[in-house]
Amino acid sequence: MWTSPAVIQRSQHILNSYRHWLGKDLIPRTGDLLDESLRLSQTKFVVVGHGVEADPILNYANKVALDLWELDWEAFCSTPSRLTAEPMHRDERAEMLATTQRQGYIDNYAGIRISSTGKRFKIDQALVWNLIDENGQLVGQAATFSDWTWLD
């Protein structure tokens, strides 16, 4: 999956947009699009993304994210992103995404999320940013974090 043209392009949107908003690279860049896609998929921290639909659908997860949410690629990438949070946490999550859309990115986000099997975890120090394409058009949002704690 991480070698498909669509995922390679999505990886580039993630990496290029991160550089655009933060002025640094999420991972070391080589200029080899396939290599960058594969290395992003294998990072030791979570990287996820969703599109710009009215109810955004998840469209990217690296291996750590798939393991954390206990989903395979196909299931993850057909899930509305709001379902990564429990119903009582969705308003807070929606406000965070709206703030990100206005500002370009936010850092130091913390929130409660839930895996596909109902396991709850708290994420800390997450960074969320807008994804833009080569023309500067909004194509989604992405997040990364390496700190989480299992709850319950």
N, C-alpha and C. Protein backbone atom coordinates (compact mmCIF):
# COMPACT_ATOMS: atom_id res chain seq x y z
N MET A 1 0.80 -1.20 0.00
CA MET A 1 0.00 0.00 0.00
C MET A 1 0.85 1.26 0.00
N TRP A 2 1.95 1.28 0.76
CA TRP A 2 2.78 2.48 0.84
C TRP A 2 3.58 2.73 -0.44
N THR A 3 3.50 1.79 -1.39
CA THR A 3 4.19 1.96 -2.67
C THR A 3 3.23 2.36 -3.79
N SER A 4 1.95 2.47 -3.50
CA SER A 4 0.98 2.85 -4.53
C SER A 4 1.14 4.34 -4.85
N PRO A 5 0.89 4.74 -6.10
CA PRO A 5 1.03 6.16 -6.46
C PRO A 5 0.20 7.10 -5.58
N ALA A 6 -1.02 6.70 -5.22
CA ALA A 6 -1.87 7.57 -4.40
C ALA A 6 -1.27 7.76 -3.01
N VAL A 7 -0.72 6.71 -2.43
CA VAL A 7 -0.14 6.82 -1.09
C VAL A 7 1.19 7.56 -1.14
N ILE A 8 1.95 7.36 -2.18
CA ILE A 8 3.19 8.13 -2.34
C ILE A 8 2.85 9.62 -2.42
N GLN A 9 1.83 9.97 -3.19
CA GLN A 9 1.42 11.37 -3.28
C GLN A 9 0.95 11.90 -1.92
N ARG A 10 0.16 11.11 -1.22
CA ARG A 10 -0.33 11.52 0.11
C ARG A 10 0.85 11.72 1.06
N SER A 11 1.83 10.82 0.98
CA SER A 11 3.03 10.97 1.81
C SER A 11 3.75 12.28 1.50
N GLN A 12 3.81 12.63 0.22
CA GLN A 12 4.45 13.89 -0.15
C GLN A 12 3.66 15.09 0.37
N HIS A 13 2.34 15.02 0.32
CA HIS A 13 1.53 16.10 0.89
C HIS A 13 1.83 16.25 2.39
N ILE A 14 1.92 15.12 3.09
CA ILE A 14 2.22 15.13 4.52
C ILE A 14 3.59 15.76 4.77
N LEU A 15 4.59 15.28 4.05
CA LEU A 15 5.96 15.76 4.28
C LEU A 15 6.15 17.20 3.83
N ASN A 16 5.64 17.54 2.66
CA ASN A 16 5.81 18.90 2.15
C ASN A 16 5.04 19.91 2.99
N SER A 17 3.84 19.54 3.43
CA SER A 17 3.03 20.45 4.24
C SER A 17 3.65 20.65 5.62
N TYR A 18 4.20 19.60 6.18
CA TYR A 18 4.89 19.73 7.47
C TYR A 18 6.03 20.73 7.32
N ARG A 19 6.81 20.58 6.28
CA ARG A 19 7.93 21.51 6.02
C ARG A 19 7.39 22.94 5.83
N HIS A 20 6.29 23.07 5.09
CA HIS A 20 5.69 24.38 4.82
C HIS A 20 5.31 25.09 6.12
N TRP A 21 4.60 24.39 7.00
CA TRP A 21 4.08 25.02 8.21
C TRP A 21 5.13 25.16 9.30
N LEU A 22 6.03 24.19 9.42
CA LEU A 22 6.96 24.18 10.55
C LEU A 22 8.39 24.57 10.21
N GLY A 23 8.71 24.66 8.92
CA GLY A 23 10.04 25.06 8.51
C GLY A 23 11.12 24.02 8.77
N LYS A 24 10.72 22.78 8.96
CA LYS A 24 11.66 21.69 9.15
C LYS A 24 11.01 20.42 8.62
N ASP A 25 11.78 19.35 8.58
CA ASP A 25 11.28 18.10 8.01
C ASP A 25 10.81 17.14 9.10
N LEU A 26 9.74 16.42 8.79
CA LEU A 26 9.21 15.40 9.69
C LEU A 26 10.15 14.20 9.75
N ILE A 27 10.69 13.83 8.60
CA ILE A 27 11.72 12.78 8.49
C ILE A 27 12.81 13.33 7.58
N PRO A 28 14.01 12.78 7.63
CA PRO A 28 15.04 13.21 6.68
C PRO A 28 14.56 12.95 5.25
N ARG A 29 14.72 13.95 4.38
CA ARG A 29 14.24 13.85 3.00
C ARG A 29 15.39 13.44 2.08
N THR A 30 15.05 12.59 1.10
CA THR A 30 16.05 12.12 0.15
C THR A 30 15.76 12.57 -1.27
N GLY A 31 14.52 13.01 -1.52
CA GLY A 31 14.13 13.35 -2.88
C GLY A 31 13.60 12.15 -3.66
N ASP A 32 13.77 10.95 -3.12
CA ASP A 32 13.25 9.73 -3.72
C ASP A 32 11.87 9.49 -3.12
N LEU A 33 10.82 9.72 -3.91
CA LEU A 33 9.45 9.69 -3.39
C LEU A 33 9.06 8.34 -2.81
N LEU A 34 9.45 7.26 -3.48
CA LEU A 34 9.14 5.92 -2.98
C LEU A 34 9.86 5.67 -1.66
N ASP A 35 11.13 6.01 -1.60
CA ASP A 35 11.90 5.84 -0.37
C ASP A 35 11.28 6.64 0.78
N GLU A 36 10.88 7.87 0.52
CA GLU A 36 10.28 8.70 1.57
C GLU A 36 8.96 8.11 2.04
N SER A 37 8.16 7.59 1.12
CA SER A 37 6.89 6.97 1.49
C SER A 37 7.13 5.75 2.38
N LEU A 38 8.07 4.94 1.99
CA LEU A 38 8.37 3.73 2.79
C LEU A 38 8.94 4.10 4.16
N ARG A 39 9.81 5.08 4.22
CA ARG A 39 10.38 5.47 5.51
C ARG A 39 9.34 6.13 6.41
N LEU A 40 8.43 6.93 5.83
CA LEU A 40 7.35 7.51 6.63
C LEU A 40 6.47 6.41 7.21
N SER A 41 6.24 5.37 6.44
CA SER A 41 5.39 4.26 6.91
C SER A 41 6.02 3.51 8.07
N GLN A 42 7.33 3.57 8.20
CA GLN A 42 8.05 2.79 9.20
C GLN A 42 8.58 3.62 10.37
N THR A 43 8.24 4.91 10.44
CA THR A 43 8.72 5.73 11.55
C THR A 43 8.24 5.14 12.87
N LYS A 44 8.91 5.51 13.94
CA LYS A 44 8.59 4.98 15.27
C LYS A 44 7.55 5.83 15.99
N PHE A 45 6.98 6.82 15.30
CA PHE A 45 5.94 7.67 15.87
C PHE A 45 4.71 7.60 14.97
N VAL A 46 3.57 7.98 15.49
CA VAL A 46 2.30 7.93 14.75
C VAL A 46 2.26 9.05 13.71
N VAL A 47 1.79 8.70 12.52
CA VAL A 47 1.45 9.68 11.49
C VAL A 47 0.12 9.24 10.88
N VAL A 48 -0.86 10.13 10.93
CA VAL A 48 -2.19 9.86 10.37
C VAL A 48 -2.65 11.06 9.57
N GLY A 49 -3.60 10.83 8.67
CA GLY A 49 -4.16 11.93 7.91
C GLY A 49 -5.59 11.64 7.50
N HIS A 50 -6.32 12.73 7.20
CA HIS A 50 -7.67 12.59 6.65
C HIS A 50 -7.87 13.62 5.55
N GLY A 51 -8.95 13.42 4.79
CA GLY A 51 -9.26 14.28 3.66
C GLY A 51 -10.08 15.49 4.05
N VAL A 52 -10.72 16.09 3.05
CA VAL A 52 -11.48 17.33 3.25
C VAL A 52 -12.99 17.12 3.07
N GLU A 53 -13.44 15.90 3.12
CA GLU A 53 -14.87 15.62 3.00
C GLU A 53 -15.63 16.33 4.13
N ALA A 54 -16.94 16.49 3.96
CA ALA A 54 -17.76 17.10 5.01
C ALA A 54 -17.59 16.35 6.33
N ASP A 55 -17.52 15.04 6.26
CA ASP A 55 -17.22 14.18 7.40
C ASP A 55 -15.91 13.47 7.02
N PRO A 56 -14.75 14.09 7.31
CA PRO A 56 -13.48 13.61 6.76
C PRO A 56 -13.21 12.13 7.02
N ILE A 57 -12.72 11.48 5.96
CA ILE A 57 -12.37 10.06 6.01
C ILE A 57 -10.86 9.95 6.18
N LEU A 58 -10.44 9.08 7.08
CA LEU A 58 -9.01 8.82 7.25
C LEU A 58 -8.45 8.31 5.93
N ASN A 59 -7.26 8.78 5.56
CA ASN A 59 -6.68 8.35 4.29
C ASN A 59 -5.19 8.06 4.38
N TYR A 60 -4.64 8.11 5.58
CA TYR A 60 -3.24 7.73 5.76
C TYR A 60 -3.00 7.27 7.19
N ALA A 61 -2.22 6.23 7.32
CA ALA A 61 -1.71 5.77 8.62
C ALA A 61 -0.41 5.04 8.39
N ASN A 62 0.57 5.34 9.22
CA ASN A 62 1.79 4.54 9.15
C ASN A 62 1.60 3.29 10.01
N LYS A 63 2.61 2.45 10.04
CA LYS A 63 2.48 1.16 10.74
C LYS A 63 2.17 1.35 12.22
N VAL A 64 2.81 2.29 12.88
CA VAL A 64 2.56 2.52 14.31
C VAL A 64 1.10 2.90 14.53
N ALA A 65 0.56 3.75 13.66
CA ALA A 65 -0.85 4.17 13.80
C ALA A 65 -1.80 2.99 13.58
N LEU A 66 -1.54 2.19 12.57
CA LEU A 66 -2.40 1.02 12.32
C LEU A 66 -2.40 0.10 13.53
N ASP A 67 -1.23 -0.12 14.11
CA ASP A 67 -1.14 -0.97 15.30
C ASP A 67 -1.88 -0.34 16.48
N LEU A 68 -1.72 0.96 16.67
CA LEU A 68 -2.35 1.65 17.79
C LEU A 68 -3.88 1.58 17.70
N TRP A 69 -4.42 1.83 16.50
CA TRP A 69 -5.87 1.79 16.33
C TRP A 69 -6.39 0.39 16.04
N GLU A 70 -5.49 -0.59 15.95
CA GLU A 70 -5.85 -1.99 15.75
C GLU A 70 -6.70 -2.19 14.49
N LEU A 71 -6.21 -1.61 13.39
CA LEU A 71 -6.90 -1.71 12.11
C LEU A 71 -5.90 -2.02 11.01
N ASP A 72 -6.38 -2.66 9.94
CA ASP A 72 -5.54 -2.79 8.76
C ASP A 72 -5.76 -1.55 7.89
N TRP A 73 -4.97 -1.42 6.84
CA TRP A 73 -5.00 -0.23 5.99
C TRP A 73 -6.41 0.03 5.43
N GLU A 74 -7.03 -1.01 4.89
CA GLU A 74 -8.34 -0.85 4.24
C GLU A 74 -9.39 -0.37 5.23
N ALA A 75 -9.41 -0.96 6.41
CA ALA A 75 -10.39 -0.55 7.42
C ALA A 75 -10.10 0.87 7.91
N PHE A 76 -8.84 1.17 8.16
CA PHE A 76 -8.48 2.50 8.64
C PHE A 76 -8.89 3.56 7.62
N CYS A 77 -8.56 3.31 6.36
CA CYS A 77 -8.80 4.31 5.31
C CYS A 77 -10.23 4.34 4.79
N SER A 78 -11.14 3.70 5.49
CA SER A 78 -12.56 3.84 5.17
C SER A 78 -13.34 4.31 6.40
N THR A 79 -12.60 4.78 7.41
CA THR A 79 -13.20 5.20 8.67
C THR A 79 -13.32 6.72 8.72
N PRO A 80 -14.49 7.25 9.07
CA PRO A 80 -14.57 8.70 9.34
C PRO A 80 -13.64 9.04 10.50
N SER A 81 -12.85 10.09 10.34
CA SER A 81 -11.84 10.38 11.36
C SER A 81 -12.45 10.71 12.71
N ARG A 82 -13.69 11.20 12.75
CA ARG A 82 -14.32 11.51 14.04
C ARG A 82 -14.45 10.27 14.91
N LEU A 83 -14.48 9.07 14.29
CA LEU A 83 -14.65 7.84 15.06
C LEU A 83 -13.39 7.42 15.81
N THR A 84 -12.29 8.16 15.63
CA THR A 84 -11.09 7.88 16.42
C THR A 84 -11.23 8.40 17.84
N ALA A 85 -12.26 9.22 18.06
CA ALA A 85 -12.54 9.74 19.40
C ALA A 85 -13.91 9.25 19.85
N GLU A 86 -14.07 9.05 21.15
CA GLU A 86 -15.37 8.66 21.69
C GLU A 86 -16.34 9.83 21.52
N PRO A 87 -17.65 9.54 21.48
CA PRO A 87 -18.64 10.60 21.27
C PRO A 87 -18.47 11.81 22.19
N MET A 88 -18.17 11.58 23.47
CA MET A 88 -18.07 12.71 24.40
C MET A 88 -16.83 13.56 24.18
N HIS A 89 -15.88 13.10 23.35
CA HIS A 89 -14.66 13.87 23.06
C HIS A 89 -14.66 14.46 21.65
N ARG A 90 -15.72 14.23 20.89
CA ARG A 90 -15.73 14.65 19.49
C ARG A 90 -15.86 16.15 19.31
N ASP A 91 -16.58 16.84 20.19
CA ASP A 91 -16.68 18.31 20.07
C ASP A 91 -15.33 18.96 20.28
N GLU A 92 -14.59 18.50 21.28
CA GLU A 92 -13.25 19.03 21.55
C GLU A 92 -12.34 18.77 20.35
N ARG A 93 -12.42 17.58 19.78
CA ARG A 93 -11.62 17.22 18.63
C ARG A 93 -11.98 18.11 17.44
N ALA A 94 -13.27 18.32 17.21
CA ALA A 94 -13.72 19.16 16.09
C ALA A 94 -13.20 20.59 16.25
N GLU A 95 -13.22 21.12 17.46
CA GLU A 95 -12.70 22.47 17.70
C GLU A 95 -11.20 22.54 17.42
N MET A 96 -10.46 21.52 17.84
CA MET A 96 -9.02 21.47 17.56
C MET A 96 -8.76 21.47 16.06
N LEU A 97 -9.53 20.70 15.30
CA LEU A 97 -9.35 20.66 13.84
C LEU A 97 -9.71 22.00 13.20
N ALA A 98 -10.75 22.66 13.71
CA ALA A 98 -11.12 23.98 13.19
C ALA A 98 -10.03 25.00 13.47
N THR A 99 -9.45 24.96 14.66
CA THR A 99 -8.34 25.85 15.00
C THR A 99 -7.16 25.59 14.08
N THR A 100 -6.87 24.32 13.83
CA THR A 100 -5.78 23.96 12.92
C THR A 100 -6.05 24.54 11.53
N GLN A 101 -7.28 24.41 11.06
CA GLN A 101 -7.60 24.91 9.73
C GLN A 101 -7.37 26.42 9.65
N ARG A 102 -7.71 27.15 10.70
CA ARG A 102 -7.51 28.61 10.71
C ARG A 102 -6.04 28.99 10.81
N GLN A 103 -5.28 28.29 11.63
CA GLN A 103 -3.91 28.68 11.94
C GLN A 103 -2.85 28.01 11.07
N GLY A 104 -3.19 26.89 10.44
CA GLY A 104 -2.22 26.13 9.66
C GLY A 104 -1.70 24.92 10.40
N TYR A 105 -1.43 25.08 11.68
CA TYR A 105 -1.01 23.95 12.51
C TYR A 105 -1.18 24.32 13.98
N ILE A 106 -1.23 23.30 14.81
CA ILE A 106 -1.16 23.48 16.25
C ILE A 106 -0.20 22.43 16.80
N ASP A 107 0.41 22.77 17.91
CA ASP A 107 1.29 21.78 18.56
C ASP A 107 0.86 21.65 20.01
N ASN A 108 1.37 20.63 20.64
CA ASN A 108 1.10 20.35 22.04
C ASN A 108 -0.38 20.03 22.31
N TYR A 109 -1.05 19.37 21.35
CA TYR A 109 -2.43 18.93 21.54
C TYR A 109 -2.44 17.65 22.38
N ALA A 110 -3.44 17.54 23.24
CA ALA A 110 -3.65 16.32 24.02
C ALA A 110 -5.13 15.95 23.95
N GLY A 111 -5.42 14.67 23.89
CA GLY A 111 -6.81 14.23 23.85
C GLY A 111 -6.94 12.74 24.03
N ILE A 112 -8.16 12.29 24.24
CA ILE A 112 -8.46 10.87 24.41
C ILE A 112 -8.92 10.30 23.08
N ARG A 113 -8.39 9.15 22.72
CA ARG A 113 -8.78 8.45 21.50
C ARG A 113 -9.16 7.02 21.85
N ILE A 114 -9.75 6.33 20.87
CA ILE A 114 -10.21 4.96 21.10
C ILE A 114 -9.84 4.09 19.91
N SER A 115 -9.37 2.88 20.18
CA SER A 115 -9.01 1.95 19.11
C SER A 115 -10.27 1.27 18.58
N SER A 116 -10.10 0.52 17.53
CA SER A 116 -11.25 -0.17 16.93
C SER A 116 -11.86 -1.22 17.85
N THR A 117 -11.09 -1.68 18.83
CA THR A 117 -11.61 -2.69 19.76
C THR A 117 -12.08 -2.06 21.07
N GLY A 118 -12.10 -0.73 21.15
CA GLY A 118 -12.59 -0.05 22.33
C GLY A 118 -11.55 0.30 23.37
N LYS A 119 -10.27 0.05 23.08
CA LYS A 119 -9.21 0.42 24.02
C LYS A 119 -9.01 1.93 23.94
N ARG A 120 -9.00 2.57 25.10
CA ARG A 120 -8.86 4.02 25.18
C ARG A 120 -7.41 4.39 25.47
N PHE A 121 -6.96 5.48 24.87
CA PHE A 121 -5.62 5.98 25.14
C PHE A 121 -5.60 7.50 25.05
N LYS A 122 -4.71 8.08 25.84
CA LYS A 122 -4.54 9.53 25.84
C LYS A 122 -3.30 9.87 25.03
N ILE A 123 -3.46 10.78 24.08
CA ILE A 123 -2.31 11.24 23.33
C ILE A 123 -1.85 12.56 23.92
N ASP A 124 -0.55 12.77 23.91
CA ASP A 124 0.04 14.00 24.43
C ASP A 124 1.01 14.57 23.41
N GLN A 125 1.13 15.88 23.42
CA GLN A 125 2.09 16.60 22.59
C GLN A 125 1.96 16.24 21.11
N ALA A 126 0.72 16.14 20.65
CA ALA A 126 0.47 15.88 19.23
C ALA A 126 0.61 17.18 18.45
N LEU A 127 1.07 17.06 17.24
CA LEU A 127 1.14 18.17 16.32
C LEU A 127 0.18 17.87 15.17
N VAL A 128 -0.67 18.83 14.85
CA VAL A 128 -1.68 18.66 13.80
C VAL A 128 -1.48 19.79 12.80
N TRP A 129 -1.49 19.47 11.51
CA TRP A 129 -1.27 20.50 10.50
C TRP A 129 -2.15 20.27 9.28
N ASN A 130 -2.38 21.38 8.56
CA ASN A 130 -3.14 21.32 7.31
C ASN A 130 -2.27 20.74 6.21
N LEU A 131 -2.89 19.92 5.38
CA LEU A 131 -2.22 19.38 4.20
C LEU A 131 -2.61 20.21 2.99
N ILE A 132 -1.61 20.66 2.27
CA ILE A 132 -1.85 21.42 1.05
C ILE A 132 -1.16 20.71 -0.11
N ASP A 133 -1.74 20.88 -1.29
CA ASP A 133 -1.15 20.25 -2.47
C ASP A 133 -0.15 21.21 -3.12
N GLU A 134 0.32 20.83 -4.29
CA GLU A 134 1.33 21.61 -5.01
C GLU A 134 0.84 23.00 -5.39
N ASN A 135 -0.47 23.19 -5.44
CA ASN A 135 -1.07 24.49 -5.79
C ASN A 135 -1.50 25.28 -4.57
N GLY A 136 -1.18 24.78 -3.37
CA GLY A 136 -1.55 25.46 -2.14
C GLY A 136 -2.98 25.25 -1.71
N GLN A 137 -3.67 24.30 -2.35
CA GLN A 137 -5.06 23.99 -2.00
C GLN A 137 -5.11 23.02 -0.83
N LEU A 138 -6.04 23.26 0.09
CA LEU A 138 -6.23 22.38 1.23
C LEU A 138 -6.71 21.01 0.75
N VAL A 139 -5.99 19.95 1.15
CA VAL A 139 -6.38 18.59 0.77
C VAL A 139 -6.59 17.69 1.98
N GLY A 140 -6.46 18.25 3.19
CA GLY A 140 -6.69 17.45 4.38
C GLY A 140 -5.94 17.99 5.57
N GLN A 141 -5.83 17.15 6.58
CA GLN A 141 -5.08 17.45 7.79
C GLN A 141 -4.35 16.20 8.21
N ALA A 142 -3.24 16.39 8.89
CA ALA A 142 -2.45 15.27 9.38
C ALA A 142 -2.07 15.53 10.83
N ALA A 143 -1.69 14.46 11.51
CA ALA A 143 -1.24 14.57 12.90
C ALA A 143 -0.10 13.61 13.13
N THR A 144 0.74 13.97 14.07
CA THR A 144 1.81 13.09 14.50
C THR A 144 1.99 13.22 16.00
N PHE A 145 2.32 12.11 16.62
CA PHE A 145 2.64 12.10 18.05
C PHE A 145 3.40 10.82 18.37
N SER A 146 4.16 10.90 19.44
CA SER A 146 4.90 9.72 19.89
C SER A 146 4.57 9.38 21.34
N ASP A 147 3.77 10.23 21.97
CA ASP A 147 3.43 10.00 23.38
C ASP A 147 1.97 9.62 23.51
N TRP A 148 1.71 8.44 24.04
CA TRP A 148 0.35 8.04 24.37
C TRP A 148 0.41 7.11 25.58
N THR A 149 -0.70 7.11 26.31
CA THR A 149 -0.83 6.29 27.51
C THR A 149 -2.14 5.54 27.43
N TRP A 150 -2.09 4.24 27.64
CA TRP A 150 -3.31 3.44 27.66
C TRP A 150 -4.11 3.77 28.91
N LEU A 151 -5.41 3.85 28.78
CA LEU A 151 -6.31 4.14 29.90
C LEU A 151 -7.10 2.89 30.26
N ASP A 152 -7.76 2.92 31.39
CA ASP A 152 -8.62 1.82 31.89
C ASP A 152 -7.81 0.73 32.51
